[in-house]
Amino acid sequence: RSGDRTYGMLISSDDYDYEDEGHLNCTLAFNQWDNIWTRVPMARFGDIHVLNSLYTCPGTVGINPRMHSAFLIEGNWFEAGVRAFCRFKILATPPRAYTWKNNHSEDGEELPDMGEVTVPYPYTALDPEAARAAVLASAGPTLEDPLSFR
């Protein structure tokens, strides 16, 4: 968990980092986003797969695709009060595409796709309810001795 942080994750830091294009390919799977206000995640220039994650951060501004990014948002669970998708500045710095696929929002939020985003690797996505259970079963510190390196 974030420890009540404002920002979660930023992939590519600036609207002018064109050298990042084609190099930032990230899969974020089985994460719990909690106590975070924004950037869950936010990306520019990257291809991002947000898979089977749990959002328990009411008041967040949501997943934030920005300039030249492509997001596949799939199989995630968004609890009540969680805004799944950030619409702030999306017209000013638009992404290449985003696809909203088989997600669950307790508030009923849906997102119309802007293009189709796919990933170049095989995987099996859980349905959102199973993803929620899987994340809750293993979220947080799970190492017996986190300072011991074997």
N, C-alpha and C. Protein backbone atom coordinates (compact mmCIF):
# COMPACT_ATOMS: atom_id res chain seq x y z
N ARG A 1 0.82 -1.19 0.00
CA ARG A 1 0.00 0.00 0.00
C ARG A 1 0.86 1.24 0.00
N SER A 2 0.26 2.33 -0.38
CA SER A 2 1.04 3.54 -0.60
C SER A 2 1.36 4.33 0.66
N GLY A 3 0.66 4.10 1.75
CA GLY A 3 0.89 4.91 2.93
C GLY A 3 0.31 6.30 2.79
N ASP A 4 -0.84 6.42 2.11
CA ASP A 4 -1.54 7.69 1.93
C ASP A 4 -0.72 8.68 1.10
N ARG A 5 -0.28 8.26 -0.05
CA ARG A 5 0.50 9.11 -0.96
C ARG A 5 -0.44 9.79 -1.96
N THR A 6 -0.02 10.90 -2.48
CA THR A 6 -0.80 11.61 -3.47
C THR A 6 -0.65 10.97 -4.84
N TYR A 7 0.58 10.64 -5.24
CA TYR A 7 0.84 10.13 -6.58
C TYR A 7 1.20 8.65 -6.54
N GLY A 8 0.70 7.90 -7.54
CA GLY A 8 1.01 6.49 -7.63
C GLY A 8 2.18 6.21 -8.54
N MET A 9 1.94 6.13 -9.86
CA MET A 9 2.99 5.74 -10.80
C MET A 9 2.92 6.61 -12.06
N LEU A 10 4.07 7.13 -12.44
CA LEU A 10 4.20 7.93 -13.66
C LEU A 10 5.16 7.21 -14.60
N ILE A 11 4.71 6.97 -15.82
CA ILE A 11 5.55 6.33 -16.84
C ILE A 11 5.78 7.37 -17.92
N SER A 12 7.03 7.80 -18.09
CA SER A 12 7.48 8.91 -18.94
C SER A 12 7.05 10.22 -18.31
N SER A 13 7.98 11.09 -18.10
CA SER A 13 7.72 12.23 -17.24
C SER A 13 7.26 13.51 -17.92
N ASP A 14 7.39 13.62 -19.22
CA ASP A 14 7.14 14.91 -19.84
C ASP A 14 6.47 14.75 -21.19
N ASP A 15 5.65 15.73 -21.57
CA ASP A 15 5.00 15.71 -22.88
C ASP A 15 5.99 15.82 -24.03
N TYR A 16 7.23 16.16 -23.74
CA TYR A 16 8.22 16.35 -24.80
C TYR A 16 9.29 15.25 -24.81
N ASP A 17 9.06 14.16 -24.09
CA ASP A 17 10.02 13.05 -24.06
C ASP A 17 9.76 12.08 -25.22
N TYR A 18 9.81 12.60 -26.44
CA TYR A 18 9.50 11.78 -27.61
C TYR A 18 10.45 10.60 -27.77
N GLU A 19 11.65 10.68 -27.21
CA GLU A 19 12.58 9.56 -27.30
C GLU A 19 12.07 8.34 -26.54
N ASP A 20 11.08 8.50 -25.66
CA ASP A 20 10.49 7.37 -24.94
C ASP A 20 9.55 6.54 -25.83
N GLU A 21 9.05 7.13 -26.90
CA GLU A 21 8.06 6.44 -27.72
C GLU A 21 8.62 5.13 -28.27
N GLY A 22 7.84 4.07 -28.09
CA GLY A 22 8.24 2.75 -28.56
C GLY A 22 9.13 1.98 -27.60
N HIS A 23 9.47 2.57 -26.45
CA HIS A 23 10.37 1.91 -25.50
C HIS A 23 9.73 1.61 -24.15
N LEU A 24 8.55 2.12 -23.89
CA LEU A 24 7.93 1.96 -22.57
C LEU A 24 6.74 1.01 -22.68
N ASN A 25 7.00 -0.26 -22.53
CA ASN A 25 5.96 -1.28 -22.61
C ASN A 25 5.85 -1.93 -21.23
N CYS A 26 4.73 -1.68 -20.54
CA CYS A 26 4.59 -2.11 -19.16
C CYS A 26 3.30 -2.89 -18.95
N THR A 27 3.41 -3.98 -18.22
CA THR A 27 2.24 -4.71 -17.76
C THR A 27 2.17 -4.56 -16.26
N LEU A 28 1.06 -4.08 -15.78
CA LEU A 28 0.82 -3.90 -14.35
C LEU A 28 -0.30 -4.86 -13.97
N ALA A 29 0.05 -5.97 -13.31
CA ALA A 29 -0.93 -7.02 -13.03
C ALA A 29 -0.99 -7.32 -11.54
N PHE A 30 -2.21 -7.57 -11.07
CA PHE A 30 -2.48 -7.99 -9.70
C PHE A 30 -1.93 -7.00 -8.67
N ASN A 31 -2.24 -5.72 -8.90
CA ASN A 31 -1.85 -4.66 -7.97
C ASN A 31 -3.07 -4.19 -7.19
N GLN A 32 -2.84 -3.72 -5.98
CA GLN A 32 -3.87 -3.01 -5.24
C GLN A 32 -3.48 -1.55 -5.18
N TRP A 33 -4.36 -0.69 -5.66
CA TRP A 33 -4.15 0.75 -5.63
C TRP A 33 -5.03 1.30 -4.51
N ASP A 34 -4.39 1.83 -3.45
CA ASP A 34 -5.12 2.26 -2.28
C ASP A 34 -4.47 3.52 -1.72
N ASN A 35 -5.27 4.44 -1.18
CA ASN A 35 -4.76 5.68 -0.58
C ASN A 35 -3.92 6.51 -1.54
N ILE A 36 -4.32 6.57 -2.78
CA ILE A 36 -3.60 7.34 -3.80
C ILE A 36 -4.60 8.25 -4.50
N TRP A 37 -4.21 9.47 -4.78
CA TRP A 37 -5.12 10.40 -5.42
C TRP A 37 -5.05 10.35 -6.95
N THR A 38 -3.87 10.15 -7.52
CA THR A 38 -3.74 10.22 -8.96
C THR A 38 -2.61 9.32 -9.46
N ARG A 39 -2.53 9.18 -10.78
CA ARG A 39 -1.49 8.38 -11.44
C ARG A 39 -1.55 6.92 -11.03
N VAL A 40 -2.67 6.30 -11.34
CA VAL A 40 -2.88 4.91 -10.96
C VAL A 40 -3.07 3.97 -12.16
N PRO A 41 -2.19 3.92 -13.11
CA PRO A 41 -1.04 4.77 -13.37
C PRO A 41 -1.37 5.89 -14.36
N MET A 42 -0.38 6.73 -14.62
CA MET A 42 -0.43 7.75 -15.67
C MET A 42 0.76 7.47 -16.59
N ALA A 43 0.53 7.56 -17.90
CA ALA A 43 1.63 7.27 -18.83
C ALA A 43 1.56 8.14 -20.07
N ARG A 44 2.73 8.42 -20.58
CA ARG A 44 2.89 9.06 -21.89
C ARG A 44 3.80 8.14 -22.71
N PHE A 45 3.57 8.08 -23.98
CA PHE A 45 4.44 7.40 -24.94
C PHE A 45 4.55 5.89 -24.76
N GLY A 46 3.87 5.29 -23.80
CA GLY A 46 4.03 3.86 -23.54
C GLY A 46 2.83 3.04 -23.97
N ASP A 47 3.05 1.74 -24.03
CA ASP A 47 1.98 0.76 -24.22
C ASP A 47 1.79 0.08 -22.87
N ILE A 48 0.63 0.26 -22.27
CA ILE A 48 0.40 -0.13 -20.88
C ILE A 48 -0.76 -1.12 -20.81
N HIS A 49 -0.55 -2.22 -20.10
CA HIS A 49 -1.60 -3.21 -19.86
C HIS A 49 -1.87 -3.22 -18.36
N VAL A 50 -3.04 -2.73 -17.96
CA VAL A 50 -3.46 -2.74 -16.56
C VAL A 50 -4.40 -3.92 -16.41
N LEU A 51 -3.91 -4.99 -15.75
CA LEU A 51 -4.58 -6.28 -15.74
C LEU A 51 -4.89 -6.74 -14.32
N ASN A 52 -6.15 -7.15 -14.12
CA ASN A 52 -6.56 -7.83 -12.89
C ASN A 52 -6.08 -7.14 -11.62
N SER A 53 -6.34 -5.85 -11.52
CA SER A 53 -5.94 -5.10 -10.34
C SER A 53 -7.17 -4.66 -9.55
N LEU A 54 -6.93 -4.26 -8.32
CA LEU A 54 -7.98 -3.84 -7.41
C LEU A 54 -7.76 -2.38 -7.03
N TYR A 55 -8.81 -1.58 -7.23
CA TYR A 55 -8.74 -0.15 -6.92
C TYR A 55 -9.64 0.12 -5.71
N THR A 56 -9.01 0.48 -4.58
CA THR A 56 -9.71 0.75 -3.33
C THR A 56 -9.39 2.16 -2.84
N CYS A 57 -9.27 3.08 -3.78
CA CYS A 57 -8.85 4.44 -3.45
C CYS A 57 -9.94 5.45 -3.83
N PRO A 58 -11.00 5.56 -3.01
CA PRO A 58 -12.06 6.52 -3.32
C PRO A 58 -11.50 7.93 -3.47
N GLY A 59 -12.02 8.65 -4.44
CA GLY A 59 -11.58 10.02 -4.67
C GLY A 59 -10.44 10.14 -5.67
N THR A 60 -9.87 9.01 -6.08
CA THR A 60 -8.80 9.07 -7.07
C THR A 60 -9.32 9.66 -8.37
N VAL A 61 -8.43 10.23 -9.16
CA VAL A 61 -8.83 10.71 -10.48
C VAL A 61 -8.67 9.63 -11.53
N GLY A 62 -8.17 8.46 -11.17
CA GLY A 62 -8.23 7.29 -12.04
C GLY A 62 -7.03 7.05 -12.93
N ILE A 63 -7.15 5.98 -13.71
CA ILE A 63 -6.14 5.62 -14.70
C ILE A 63 -6.06 6.76 -15.69
N ASN A 64 -4.83 7.15 -16.05
CA ASN A 64 -4.65 8.40 -16.78
C ASN A 64 -3.79 8.20 -18.04
N PRO A 65 -4.39 7.79 -19.16
CA PRO A 65 -3.63 7.70 -20.41
C PRO A 65 -3.41 9.08 -20.99
N ARG A 66 -2.17 9.38 -21.32
CA ARG A 66 -1.84 10.70 -21.85
C ARG A 66 -1.13 10.59 -23.18
N MET A 67 -0.51 11.63 -23.58
CA MET A 67 0.10 11.82 -24.89
C MET A 67 0.79 10.57 -25.44
N HIS A 68 0.33 10.10 -26.59
CA HIS A 68 0.93 9.01 -27.36
C HIS A 68 0.97 7.68 -26.63
N SER A 69 0.18 7.49 -25.59
CA SER A 69 0.16 6.20 -24.90
C SER A 69 -0.99 5.36 -25.44
N ALA A 70 -0.93 4.06 -25.15
CA ALA A 70 -2.01 3.13 -25.47
C ALA A 70 -2.22 2.26 -24.24
N PHE A 71 -3.46 2.18 -23.78
CA PHE A 71 -3.79 1.43 -22.56
C PHE A 71 -4.78 0.33 -22.87
N LEU A 72 -4.48 -0.87 -22.40
CA LEU A 72 -5.46 -1.96 -22.34
C LEU A 72 -5.79 -2.11 -20.87
N ILE A 73 -7.03 -1.77 -20.51
CA ILE A 73 -7.50 -1.79 -19.12
C ILE A 73 -8.44 -2.98 -19.01
N GLU A 74 -7.99 -4.04 -18.29
CA GLU A 74 -8.69 -5.32 -18.42
C GLU A 74 -8.82 -6.08 -17.11
N GLY A 75 -10.05 -6.52 -16.83
CA GLY A 75 -10.30 -7.41 -15.71
C GLY A 75 -10.07 -6.82 -14.34
N ASN A 76 -10.25 -5.52 -14.21
CA ASN A 76 -9.98 -4.82 -12.94
C ASN A 76 -11.27 -4.62 -12.15
N TRP A 77 -11.12 -4.44 -10.84
CA TRP A 77 -12.24 -4.19 -9.94
C TRP A 77 -12.06 -2.80 -9.33
N PHE A 78 -13.09 -1.96 -9.48
CA PHE A 78 -13.08 -0.60 -8.95
C PHE A 78 -14.17 -0.50 -7.89
N GLU A 79 -13.78 -0.29 -6.63
CA GLU A 79 -14.74 -0.21 -5.55
C GLU A 79 -15.54 1.09 -5.61
N ALA A 80 -16.61 1.17 -4.82
CA ALA A 80 -17.47 2.34 -4.80
C ALA A 80 -16.65 3.59 -4.48
N GLY A 81 -16.94 4.66 -5.18
CA GLY A 81 -16.26 5.93 -4.96
C GLY A 81 -14.97 6.09 -5.74
N VAL A 82 -14.53 5.04 -6.42
CA VAL A 82 -13.29 5.10 -7.20
C VAL A 82 -13.64 5.50 -8.63
N ARG A 83 -13.09 6.60 -9.06
CA ARG A 83 -13.23 7.00 -10.46
C ARG A 83 -12.21 6.21 -11.25
N ALA A 84 -12.67 5.38 -12.16
CA ALA A 84 -11.78 4.45 -12.87
C ALA A 84 -10.89 5.14 -13.89
N PHE A 85 -11.35 6.22 -14.48
CA PHE A 85 -10.65 6.79 -15.62
C PHE A 85 -10.56 8.30 -15.48
N CYS A 86 -9.38 8.85 -15.70
CA CYS A 86 -9.15 10.28 -15.61
C CYS A 86 -9.44 10.95 -16.95
N ARG A 87 -10.33 11.91 -16.93
CA ARG A 87 -10.65 12.64 -18.16
C ARG A 87 -9.96 14.00 -18.20
N PHE A 88 -9.22 14.32 -17.15
CA PHE A 88 -8.52 15.60 -17.05
C PHE A 88 -7.40 15.67 -18.10
N LYS A 89 -7.41 16.70 -18.90
CA LYS A 89 -6.40 16.97 -19.93
C LYS A 89 -6.34 15.93 -21.05
N ILE A 90 -7.33 15.04 -21.14
CA ILE A 90 -7.27 14.01 -22.17
C ILE A 90 -7.43 14.61 -23.57
N LEU A 91 -8.14 15.71 -23.68
CA LEU A 91 -8.27 16.36 -24.99
C LEU A 91 -7.03 17.16 -25.34
N ALA A 92 -6.37 17.72 -24.33
CA ALA A 92 -5.18 18.53 -24.58
C ALA A 92 -3.96 17.68 -24.93
N THR A 93 -3.84 16.51 -24.31
CA THR A 93 -2.70 15.61 -24.57
C THR A 93 -3.23 14.20 -24.77
N PRO A 94 -3.89 13.95 -25.89
CA PRO A 94 -4.62 12.68 -26.06
C PRO A 94 -3.70 11.46 -26.23
N PRO A 95 -4.18 10.31 -25.73
CA PRO A 95 -3.46 9.06 -25.96
C PRO A 95 -3.68 8.59 -27.40
N ARG A 96 -2.88 7.60 -27.81
CA ARG A 96 -3.11 6.96 -29.12
C ARG A 96 -4.41 6.17 -29.09
N ALA A 97 -4.60 5.43 -28.00
CA ALA A 97 -5.78 4.56 -27.90
C ALA A 97 -5.94 4.06 -26.47
N TYR A 98 -7.15 3.60 -26.16
CA TYR A 98 -7.38 2.84 -24.93
C TYR A 98 -8.56 1.91 -25.16
N THR A 99 -8.47 0.75 -24.51
CA THR A 99 -9.52 -0.26 -24.58
C THR A 99 -9.92 -0.65 -23.17
N TRP A 100 -11.20 -0.59 -22.91
CA TRP A 100 -11.80 -0.94 -21.61
C TRP A 100 -12.43 -2.31 -21.80
N LYS A 101 -11.87 -3.35 -21.15
CA LYS A 101 -12.30 -4.72 -21.42
C LYS A 101 -12.60 -5.48 -20.13
N ASN A 102 -13.86 -5.87 -19.95
CA ASN A 102 -14.29 -6.74 -18.86
C ASN A 102 -13.85 -6.24 -17.49
N ASN A 103 -14.14 -4.99 -17.18
CA ASN A 103 -13.85 -4.42 -15.87
C ASN A 103 -15.15 -4.32 -15.08
N HIS A 104 -15.02 -4.19 -13.77
CA HIS A 104 -16.20 -4.00 -12.92
C HIS A 104 -16.02 -2.74 -12.08
N SER A 105 -16.99 -1.85 -12.16
CA SER A 105 -17.02 -0.66 -11.32
C SER A 105 -18.27 -0.74 -10.46
N GLU A 106 -18.10 -0.69 -9.14
CA GLU A 106 -19.26 -0.73 -8.25
C GLU A 106 -20.19 0.45 -8.47
N ASP A 107 -19.66 1.55 -9.03
CA ASP A 107 -20.48 2.72 -9.34
C ASP A 107 -21.07 2.65 -10.75
N GLY A 108 -20.78 1.59 -11.49
CA GLY A 108 -21.33 1.41 -12.83
C GLY A 108 -20.61 2.19 -13.91
N GLU A 109 -19.41 2.69 -13.63
CA GLU A 109 -18.68 3.46 -14.63
C GLU A 109 -18.26 2.57 -15.79
N GLU A 110 -18.51 3.03 -16.98
CA GLU A 110 -18.09 2.36 -18.21
C GLU A 110 -17.30 3.36 -19.04
N LEU A 111 -16.45 2.85 -19.89
CA LEU A 111 -15.61 3.71 -20.70
C LEU A 111 -15.72 3.27 -22.16
N PRO A 112 -16.14 4.17 -23.04
CA PRO A 112 -16.14 3.79 -24.46
C PRO A 112 -14.71 3.71 -24.97
N ASP A 113 -14.43 2.65 -25.72
CA ASP A 113 -13.08 2.47 -26.26
C ASP A 113 -12.71 3.59 -27.22
N MET A 114 -11.43 3.89 -27.25
CA MET A 114 -10.87 4.80 -28.24
C MET A 114 -9.81 3.99 -28.99
N GLY A 115 -10.23 3.29 -30.01
CA GLY A 115 -9.33 2.39 -30.72
C GLY A 115 -9.27 1.04 -30.03
N GLU A 116 -8.51 0.13 -30.60
CA GLU A 116 -8.33 -1.19 -30.00
C GLU A 116 -6.87 -1.39 -29.64
N VAL A 117 -6.64 -1.78 -28.40
CA VAL A 117 -5.29 -2.03 -27.91
C VAL A 117 -5.15 -3.52 -27.63
N THR A 118 -4.09 -4.12 -28.13
CA THR A 118 -3.78 -5.52 -27.86
C THR A 118 -2.35 -5.60 -27.34
N VAL A 119 -1.98 -6.76 -26.82
CA VAL A 119 -0.63 -6.97 -26.33
C VAL A 119 0.00 -8.14 -27.09
N PRO A 120 1.33 -8.14 -27.23
CA PRO A 120 2.01 -9.13 -28.07
C PRO A 120 2.43 -10.41 -27.33
N TYR A 121 1.74 -10.76 -26.23
CA TYR A 121 2.13 -11.95 -25.48
C TYR A 121 0.87 -12.70 -25.05
N PRO A 122 1.01 -14.01 -24.83
CA PRO A 122 -0.15 -14.77 -24.36
C PRO A 122 -0.36 -14.58 -22.85
N TYR A 123 -1.58 -14.56 -22.42
CA TYR A 123 -1.91 -14.45 -21.01
C TYR A 123 -3.35 -14.90 -20.82
N THR A 124 -3.70 -15.15 -19.58
CA THR A 124 -5.07 -15.48 -19.23
C THR A 124 -5.54 -14.46 -18.20
N ALA A 125 -6.58 -13.73 -18.54
CA ALA A 125 -7.13 -12.74 -17.62
C ALA A 125 -8.20 -13.39 -16.75
N LEU A 126 -8.19 -13.03 -15.48
CA LEU A 126 -9.27 -13.45 -14.58
C LEU A 126 -10.45 -12.51 -14.75
N ASP A 127 -11.64 -12.98 -14.38
CA ASP A 127 -12.76 -12.05 -14.35
C ASP A 127 -12.52 -11.10 -13.16
N PRO A 128 -13.13 -9.93 -13.16
CA PRO A 128 -12.83 -8.93 -12.13
C PRO A 128 -13.04 -9.42 -10.69
N GLU A 129 -14.08 -10.20 -10.45
CA GLU A 129 -14.33 -10.67 -9.08
C GLU A 129 -13.24 -11.62 -8.61
N ALA A 130 -12.78 -12.52 -9.48
CA ALA A 130 -11.68 -13.42 -9.13
C ALA A 130 -10.37 -12.65 -8.95
N ALA A 131 -10.18 -11.63 -9.77
CA ALA A 131 -8.98 -10.79 -9.63
C ALA A 131 -8.98 -10.08 -8.29
N ARG A 132 -10.14 -9.55 -7.89
CA ARG A 132 -10.26 -8.88 -6.59
C ARG A 132 -9.88 -9.84 -5.46
N ALA A 133 -10.41 -11.05 -5.50
CA ALA A 133 -10.11 -12.04 -4.46
C ALA A 133 -8.62 -12.41 -4.46
N ALA A 134 -8.04 -12.57 -5.63
CA ALA A 134 -6.62 -12.93 -5.74
C ALA A 134 -5.73 -11.83 -5.18
N VAL A 135 -6.05 -10.59 -5.46
CA VAL A 135 -5.25 -9.47 -4.95
C VAL A 135 -5.39 -9.38 -3.43
N LEU A 136 -6.62 -9.47 -2.93
CA LEU A 136 -6.81 -9.38 -1.48
C LEU A 136 -6.12 -10.52 -0.73
N ALA A 137 -6.01 -11.68 -1.37
CA ALA A 137 -5.36 -12.83 -0.72
C ALA A 137 -3.85 -12.66 -0.60
N SER A 138 -3.26 -11.79 -1.43
CA SER A 138 -1.80 -11.70 -1.41
C SER A 138 -1.27 -10.27 -1.33
N ALA A 139 -2.13 -9.29 -1.13
CA ALA A 139 -1.67 -7.91 -1.07
C ALA A 139 -0.92 -7.63 0.22
N GLY A 140 -0.01 -6.70 0.16
CA GLY A 140 0.73 -6.27 1.33
C GLY A 140 2.02 -7.05 1.51
N PRO A 141 2.72 -6.82 2.60
CA PRO A 141 3.99 -7.49 2.83
C PRO A 141 3.76 -8.99 3.05
N THR A 142 4.40 -9.80 2.23
CA THR A 142 4.20 -11.25 2.31
C THR A 142 5.49 -12.01 2.57
N LEU A 143 6.62 -11.34 2.62
CA LEU A 143 7.88 -12.03 2.87
C LEU A 143 8.02 -12.31 4.37
N GLU A 144 8.49 -13.50 4.70
CA GLU A 144 8.70 -13.84 6.11
C GLU A 144 9.77 -12.95 6.73
N ASP A 145 10.85 -12.74 6.01
CA ASP A 145 11.93 -11.89 6.48
C ASP A 145 12.35 -11.00 5.32
N PRO A 146 11.73 -9.81 5.19
CA PRO A 146 11.97 -8.98 4.02
C PRO A 146 13.39 -8.45 3.88
N LEU A 147 14.18 -8.52 4.94
CA LEU A 147 15.57 -8.03 4.86
C LEU A 147 16.57 -9.15 4.60
N SER A 148 16.08 -10.35 4.44
CA SER A 148 16.95 -11.49 4.17
C SER A 148 16.95 -11.78 2.67
N PHE A 149 18.13 -11.75 2.06
CA PHE A 149 18.25 -12.02 0.63
C PHE A 149 18.90 -13.37 0.47
N ARG A 150 18.22 -14.26 -0.19
CA ARG A 150 18.77 -15.62 -0.38
C ARG A 150 19.12 -15.85 -1.81
